[in-house]
Amino acid sequence: MFHEWTDAESFAEWMCPRPARATRVELDARVGGALRIDVADGTIEFVVTGEYVEVDPPHRLAFTWRCSNWPDPRLDTVVTVTIEPQGVDQSLMRIRHRRLPPLLASSHEDGWTRIAEQLARVLDA
């Protein structure tokens, strides 16, 4: 599962809650490396950028998250993904998005839930 978070081709397949799509993904999954996700959602286009602050394969990944269509596109939030093995062929994934203002928290909680469901479908296929 960690690979799907660090490989641009895999990441583009499941990232963004549908019907939104990642149209371009660049990932340099090392501490200090950059990430960029160009997103198209109908007629709306925006860019998510960030920097990896923790890369601990295969268990933990953290990166900053800035979005060009936020009220303050300079707002620096942090996404942390933890993956814990649960038996032979299952894992528990947790996504925590910190420093989100209340105005954005609800929509991002829904978005991350849908994204996690999409990733689960990709892994099951």
N, C-alpha and C. Protein backbone atom coordinates (compact mmCIF):
# COMPACT_ATOMS: atom_id res chain seq x y z
N MET A 1 0.82 -1.20 0.00
CA MET A 1 0.00 0.00 0.00
C MET A 1 0.87 1.27 0.00
N PHE A 2 2.02 1.22 0.64
CA PHE A 2 2.89 2.38 0.69
C PHE A 2 3.28 2.82 -0.72
N HIS A 3 3.53 1.86 -1.58
CA HIS A 3 3.92 2.14 -2.97
C HIS A 3 2.88 3.02 -3.68
N GLU A 4 1.61 2.78 -3.44
CA GLU A 4 0.56 3.55 -4.10
C GLU A 4 0.61 5.03 -3.71
N TRP A 5 1.18 5.33 -2.56
CA TRP A 5 1.32 6.72 -2.09
C TRP A 5 2.57 7.40 -2.64
N THR A 6 3.52 6.62 -3.18
CA THR A 6 4.79 7.20 -3.60
C THR A 6 5.08 7.06 -5.09
N ASP A 7 4.28 6.33 -5.80
CA ASP A 7 4.45 6.14 -7.24
C ASP A 7 3.43 7.01 -7.97
N ALA A 8 3.88 7.94 -8.79
CA ALA A 8 3.00 8.93 -9.43
C ALA A 8 1.89 8.28 -10.26
N GLU A 9 2.22 7.24 -11.00
CA GLU A 9 1.22 6.59 -11.85
C GLU A 9 0.12 5.94 -11.00
N SER A 10 0.51 5.23 -9.97
CA SER A 10 -0.46 4.61 -9.07
C SER A 10 -1.29 5.67 -8.35
N PHE A 11 -0.61 6.69 -7.84
CA PHE A 11 -1.25 7.77 -7.10
C PHE A 11 -2.34 8.45 -7.93
N ALA A 12 -2.04 8.72 -9.20
CA ALA A 12 -3.00 9.39 -10.08
C ALA A 12 -4.26 8.56 -10.30
N GLU A 13 -4.14 7.24 -10.18
CA GLU A 13 -5.27 6.34 -10.43
C GLU A 13 -6.37 6.48 -9.39
N TRP A 14 -6.03 6.77 -8.14
CA TRP A 14 -7.04 6.77 -7.07
C TRP A 14 -7.15 8.09 -6.31
N MET A 15 -6.19 8.97 -6.47
CA MET A 15 -6.24 10.24 -5.76
C MET A 15 -7.33 11.13 -6.34
N CYS A 16 -7.93 11.93 -5.52
CA CYS A 16 -9.00 12.88 -5.85
C CYS A 16 -10.36 12.17 -5.79
N PRO A 17 -11.24 12.70 -4.96
CA PRO A 17 -12.58 12.09 -4.88
C PRO A 17 -13.35 12.29 -6.18
N ARG A 18 -13.79 11.21 -6.77
CA ARG A 18 -14.52 11.28 -8.04
C ARG A 18 -15.76 12.14 -7.91
N PRO A 19 -16.08 12.92 -8.92
CA PRO A 19 -15.61 12.86 -10.30
C PRO A 19 -14.32 13.62 -10.57
N ALA A 20 -13.70 14.24 -9.59
CA ALA A 20 -12.43 14.93 -9.80
C ALA A 20 -11.36 13.93 -10.25
N ARG A 21 -10.40 14.42 -10.99
CA ARG A 21 -9.31 13.58 -11.51
C ARG A 21 -7.97 14.30 -11.35
N ALA A 22 -6.95 13.54 -11.04
CA ALA A 22 -5.58 14.07 -11.06
C ALA A 22 -5.11 14.02 -12.51
N THR A 23 -4.87 15.17 -13.11
CA THR A 23 -4.47 15.22 -14.51
C THR A 23 -2.95 15.21 -14.66
N ARG A 24 -2.25 15.55 -13.59
CA ARG A 24 -0.78 15.53 -13.58
C ARG A 24 -0.35 15.29 -12.15
N VAL A 25 0.59 14.37 -11.96
CA VAL A 25 1.11 14.07 -10.63
C VAL A 25 2.63 14.00 -10.71
N GLU A 26 3.26 14.73 -9.81
CA GLU A 26 4.71 14.66 -9.66
C GLU A 26 5.01 14.41 -8.19
N LEU A 27 5.72 13.32 -7.89
CA LEU A 27 6.05 12.95 -6.52
C LEU A 27 7.54 12.68 -6.41
N ASP A 28 8.18 13.36 -5.49
CA ASP A 28 9.57 13.09 -5.16
C ASP A 28 9.57 12.68 -3.69
N ALA A 29 9.21 11.42 -3.45
CA ALA A 29 8.92 10.92 -2.10
C ALA A 29 10.18 10.68 -1.28
N ARG A 30 10.79 11.77 -0.89
CA ARG A 30 11.93 11.76 0.04
C ARG A 30 11.80 13.01 0.88
N VAL A 31 12.34 13.00 2.09
CA VAL A 31 12.24 14.17 2.94
C VAL A 31 12.83 15.37 2.20
N GLY A 32 12.04 16.42 2.11
CA GLY A 32 12.44 17.62 1.37
C GLY A 32 11.99 17.60 -0.08
N GLY A 33 11.55 16.44 -0.57
CA GLY A 33 11.08 16.33 -1.96
C GLY A 33 9.70 16.96 -2.13
N ALA A 34 9.40 17.36 -3.33
CA ALA A 34 8.15 18.06 -3.62
C ALA A 34 7.09 17.11 -4.16
N LEU A 35 5.83 17.53 -3.97
CA LEU A 35 4.72 16.85 -4.64
C LEU A 35 3.85 17.91 -5.30
N ARG A 36 3.24 17.52 -6.41
CA ARG A 36 2.34 18.40 -7.14
C ARG A 36 1.25 17.53 -7.75
N ILE A 37 0.01 17.97 -7.55
CA ILE A 37 -1.13 17.28 -8.12
C ILE A 37 -2.00 18.33 -8.82
N ASP A 38 -2.13 18.22 -10.14
CA ASP A 38 -3.04 19.08 -10.88
C ASP A 38 -4.38 18.36 -10.93
N VAL A 39 -5.44 19.06 -10.54
CA VAL A 39 -6.75 18.45 -10.39
C VAL A 39 -7.75 19.13 -11.30
N ALA A 40 -8.58 18.32 -11.96
CA ALA A 40 -9.70 18.81 -12.75
C ALA A 40 -10.97 18.23 -12.15
N ASP A 41 -11.90 19.11 -11.84
CA ASP A 41 -13.19 18.71 -11.26
C ASP A 41 -14.27 19.46 -12.02
N GLY A 42 -14.73 18.84 -13.11
CA GLY A 42 -15.67 19.54 -14.00
C GLY A 42 -14.97 20.71 -14.65
N THR A 43 -15.50 21.90 -14.45
CA THR A 43 -14.90 23.09 -15.05
C THR A 43 -13.89 23.76 -14.11
N ILE A 44 -13.71 23.21 -12.92
CA ILE A 44 -12.77 23.79 -11.95
C ILE A 44 -11.44 23.05 -12.03
N GLU A 45 -10.36 23.83 -12.10
CA GLU A 45 -9.02 23.26 -12.08
C GLU A 45 -8.24 23.93 -10.96
N PHE A 46 -7.44 23.15 -10.25
CA PHE A 46 -6.60 23.70 -9.20
C PHE A 46 -5.37 22.83 -9.03
N VAL A 47 -4.43 23.32 -8.24
CA VAL A 47 -3.16 22.62 -8.04
C VAL A 47 -2.92 22.45 -6.54
N VAL A 48 -2.54 21.24 -6.15
CA VAL A 48 -2.11 20.95 -4.79
C VAL A 48 -0.59 20.79 -4.84
N THR A 49 0.10 21.47 -3.92
CA THR A 49 1.55 21.34 -3.84
C THR A 49 1.93 21.05 -2.40
N GLY A 50 3.11 20.54 -2.21
CA GLY A 50 3.59 20.27 -0.87
C GLY A 50 5.01 19.77 -0.88
N GLU A 51 5.46 19.42 0.32
CA GLU A 51 6.81 18.91 0.51
C GLU A 51 6.76 17.76 1.51
N TYR A 52 7.50 16.72 1.22
CA TYR A 52 7.55 15.57 2.13
C TYR A 52 8.35 15.94 3.37
N VAL A 53 7.76 15.69 4.53
CA VAL A 53 8.43 15.98 5.80
C VAL A 53 8.81 14.70 6.54
N GLU A 54 8.23 13.58 6.16
CA GLU A 54 8.58 12.29 6.75
C GLU A 54 8.31 11.19 5.73
N VAL A 55 9.28 10.32 5.53
CA VAL A 55 9.12 9.16 4.65
C VAL A 55 9.76 7.97 5.37
N ASP A 56 8.91 7.08 5.86
CA ASP A 56 9.36 5.92 6.63
C ASP A 56 8.67 4.68 6.08
N PRO A 57 9.18 4.16 4.93
CA PRO A 57 8.54 3.00 4.32
C PRO A 57 8.63 1.77 5.21
N PRO A 58 7.67 0.94 5.22
CA PRO A 58 6.36 1.03 4.56
C PRO A 58 5.25 1.49 5.50
N HIS A 59 5.61 2.24 6.55
CA HIS A 59 4.63 2.51 7.60
C HIS A 59 4.10 3.93 7.71
N ARG A 60 4.89 4.92 7.30
CA ARG A 60 4.48 6.29 7.59
C ARG A 60 5.00 7.25 6.53
N LEU A 61 4.13 8.21 6.22
CA LEU A 61 4.44 9.22 5.21
C LEU A 61 3.75 10.51 5.64
N ALA A 62 4.46 11.63 5.58
CA ALA A 62 3.84 12.91 5.93
C ALA A 62 4.32 13.96 4.93
N PHE A 63 3.40 14.84 4.54
CA PHE A 63 3.73 15.89 3.59
C PHE A 63 2.85 17.10 3.83
N THR A 64 3.38 18.27 3.47
CA THR A 64 2.57 19.47 3.56
C THR A 64 1.60 19.47 2.38
N TRP A 65 0.53 20.26 2.51
CA TRP A 65 -0.56 20.26 1.53
C TRP A 65 -1.07 21.70 1.40
N ARG A 66 -0.87 22.29 0.23
CA ARG A 66 -1.37 23.62 -0.08
C ARG A 66 -2.21 23.53 -1.34
N CYS A 67 -3.29 24.26 -1.38
CA CYS A 67 -4.22 24.16 -2.50
C CYS A 67 -4.46 25.54 -3.11
N SER A 68 -4.31 25.63 -4.41
CA SER A 68 -4.41 26.93 -5.09
C SER A 68 -5.80 27.55 -5.04
N ASN A 69 -6.84 26.77 -4.77
CA ASN A 69 -8.19 27.35 -4.74
C ASN A 69 -8.73 27.57 -3.32
N TRP A 70 -7.88 27.44 -2.31
CA TRP A 70 -8.28 27.77 -0.95
C TRP A 70 -8.38 29.28 -0.78
N PRO A 71 -9.17 29.73 0.18
CA PRO A 71 -9.24 31.18 0.44
C PRO A 71 -7.84 31.79 0.66
N ASP A 72 -6.95 31.06 1.33
CA ASP A 72 -5.56 31.48 1.47
C ASP A 72 -4.68 30.35 0.92
N PRO A 73 -4.27 30.46 -0.36
CA PRO A 73 -3.49 29.37 -0.98
C PRO A 73 -2.11 29.18 -0.37
N ARG A 74 -1.69 30.06 0.53
CA ARG A 74 -0.41 29.91 1.21
C ARG A 74 -0.53 29.09 2.49
N LEU A 75 -1.77 28.76 2.87
CA LEU A 75 -2.01 27.97 4.07
C LEU A 75 -1.29 26.63 3.95
N ASP A 76 -0.47 26.32 4.94
CA ASP A 76 0.34 25.11 4.92
C ASP A 76 -0.25 24.11 5.91
N THR A 77 -0.87 23.05 5.41
CA THR A 77 -1.43 22.01 6.26
C THR A 77 -0.54 20.77 6.13
N VAL A 78 -0.79 19.77 6.95
CA VAL A 78 0.05 18.58 6.93
C VAL A 78 -0.83 17.33 6.88
N VAL A 79 -0.52 16.46 5.93
CA VAL A 79 -1.20 15.16 5.81
C VAL A 79 -0.22 14.08 6.28
N THR A 80 -0.69 13.24 7.19
CA THR A 80 0.11 12.12 7.67
C THR A 80 -0.65 10.83 7.38
N VAL A 81 0.03 9.90 6.75
CA VAL A 81 -0.55 8.59 6.42
C VAL A 81 0.23 7.54 7.19
N THR A 82 -0.48 6.74 7.98
CA THR A 82 0.15 5.62 8.67
C THR A 82 -0.48 4.32 8.18
N ILE A 83 0.35 3.32 8.03
CA ILE A 83 -0.09 2.02 7.54
C ILE A 83 0.41 0.97 8.52
N GLU A 84 -0.54 0.23 9.10
CA GLU A 84 -0.21 -0.80 10.09
C GLU A 84 -0.67 -2.16 9.57
N PRO A 85 0.23 -3.14 9.48
CA PRO A 85 -0.18 -4.48 9.07
C PRO A 85 -1.23 -5.05 10.02
N GLN A 86 -2.20 -5.73 9.44
CA GLN A 86 -3.27 -6.37 10.20
C GLN A 86 -3.42 -7.79 9.69
N GLY A 87 -2.53 -8.63 10.09
CA GLY A 87 -2.56 -10.00 9.59
C GLY A 87 -1.70 -10.14 8.35
N VAL A 88 -1.95 -11.22 7.62
CA VAL A 88 -1.10 -11.56 6.48
C VAL A 88 -1.30 -10.64 5.29
N ASP A 89 -2.53 -10.36 4.91
CA ASP A 89 -2.76 -9.61 3.68
C ASP A 89 -3.71 -8.42 3.86
N GLN A 90 -3.71 -7.84 5.05
CA GLN A 90 -4.52 -6.65 5.28
C GLN A 90 -3.71 -5.61 6.03
N SER A 91 -4.09 -4.35 5.86
CA SER A 91 -3.45 -3.25 6.56
C SER A 91 -4.51 -2.25 7.00
N LEU A 92 -4.19 -1.54 8.06
CA LEU A 92 -5.04 -0.46 8.53
C LEU A 92 -4.34 0.84 8.14
N MET A 93 -5.02 1.66 7.36
CA MET A 93 -4.48 2.94 6.93
C MET A 93 -5.21 4.06 7.65
N ARG A 94 -4.45 4.98 8.18
CA ARG A 94 -5.03 6.18 8.80
C ARG A 94 -4.51 7.40 8.06
N ILE A 95 -5.41 8.32 7.77
CA ILE A 95 -5.04 9.59 7.14
C ILE A 95 -5.42 10.70 8.11
N ARG A 96 -4.47 11.50 8.47
CA ARG A 96 -4.73 12.63 9.37
C ARG A 96 -4.30 13.91 8.66
N HIS A 97 -5.22 14.84 8.54
CA HIS A 97 -4.93 16.12 7.88
C HIS A 97 -5.01 17.21 8.94
N ARG A 98 -3.87 17.72 9.34
CA ARG A 98 -3.79 18.70 10.43
C ARG A 98 -3.66 20.13 9.89
N ARG A 99 -4.02 21.04 10.76
CA ARG A 99 -3.93 22.49 10.51
C ARG A 99 -4.95 23.00 9.50
N LEU A 100 -5.98 22.22 9.24
CA LEU A 100 -7.06 22.68 8.35
C LEU A 100 -7.96 23.63 9.13
N PRO A 101 -8.29 24.78 8.56
CA PRO A 101 -9.25 25.65 9.24
C PRO A 101 -10.64 25.01 9.22
N PRO A 102 -11.49 25.34 10.18
CA PRO A 102 -12.82 24.73 10.26
C PRO A 102 -13.61 24.83 8.95
N LEU A 103 -13.42 25.89 8.21
CA LEU A 103 -14.11 26.08 6.94
C LEU A 103 -13.80 24.96 5.94
N LEU A 104 -12.61 24.39 6.03
CA LEU A 104 -12.18 23.36 5.07
C LEU A 104 -12.23 21.94 5.63
N ALA A 105 -12.30 21.81 6.95
CA ALA A 105 -12.16 20.50 7.59
C ALA A 105 -13.23 19.50 7.14
N SER A 106 -14.48 19.88 7.10
CA SER A 106 -15.55 18.95 6.77
C SER A 106 -15.42 18.41 5.35
N SER A 107 -15.18 19.30 4.40
CA SER A 107 -15.07 18.85 3.00
C SER A 107 -13.86 17.95 2.81
N HIS A 108 -12.77 18.22 3.52
CA HIS A 108 -11.59 17.38 3.40
C HIS A 108 -11.78 16.03 4.08
N GLU A 109 -12.51 16.00 5.18
CA GLU A 109 -12.80 14.71 5.82
C GLU A 109 -13.57 13.82 4.85
N ASP A 110 -14.57 14.38 4.21
CA ASP A 110 -15.34 13.63 3.22
C ASP A 110 -14.46 13.21 2.05
N GLY A 111 -13.64 14.13 1.58
CA GLY A 111 -12.76 13.82 0.45
C GLY A 111 -11.78 12.71 0.76
N TRP A 112 -11.12 12.77 1.92
CA TRP A 112 -10.17 11.72 2.29
C TRP A 112 -10.86 10.38 2.47
N THR A 113 -12.08 10.37 2.99
CA THR A 113 -12.83 9.11 3.12
C THR A 113 -13.08 8.51 1.75
N ARG A 114 -13.52 9.32 0.81
CA ARG A 114 -13.78 8.81 -0.55
C ARG A 114 -12.50 8.36 -1.24
N ILE A 115 -11.43 9.09 -1.03
CA ILE A 115 -10.14 8.72 -1.61
C ILE A 115 -9.67 7.38 -1.05
N ALA A 116 -9.80 7.18 0.26
CA ALA A 116 -9.41 5.90 0.87
C ALA A 116 -10.22 4.76 0.30
N GLU A 117 -11.51 4.98 0.07
CA GLU A 117 -12.36 3.94 -0.54
C GLU A 117 -11.90 3.64 -1.96
N GLN A 118 -11.50 4.65 -2.71
CA GLN A 118 -11.02 4.44 -4.08
C GLN A 118 -9.71 3.64 -4.06
N LEU A 119 -8.82 3.98 -3.13
CA LEU A 119 -7.57 3.23 -3.01
C LEU A 119 -7.86 1.78 -2.67
N ALA A 120 -8.79 1.52 -1.76
CA ALA A 120 -9.14 0.14 -1.40
C ALA A 120 -9.63 -0.63 -2.63
N ARG A 121 -10.43 0.01 -3.46
CA ARG A 121 -10.91 -0.66 -4.68
C ARG A 121 -9.76 -0.99 -5.62
N VAL A 122 -8.80 -0.07 -5.75
CA VAL A 122 -7.64 -0.31 -6.61
C VAL A 122 -6.82 -1.49 -6.07
N LEU A 123 -6.62 -1.52 -4.76
CA LEU A 123 -5.84 -2.61 -4.16
C LEU A 123 -6.56 -3.95 -4.25
N ASP A 124 -7.88 -3.94 -4.23
CA ASP A 124 -8.66 -5.18 -4.32
C ASP A 124 -8.69 -5.74 -5.74
N ALA A 125 -8.45 -4.88 -6.72
CA ALA A 125 -8.56 -5.31 -8.13
C ALA A 125 -7.39 -6.19 -8.54
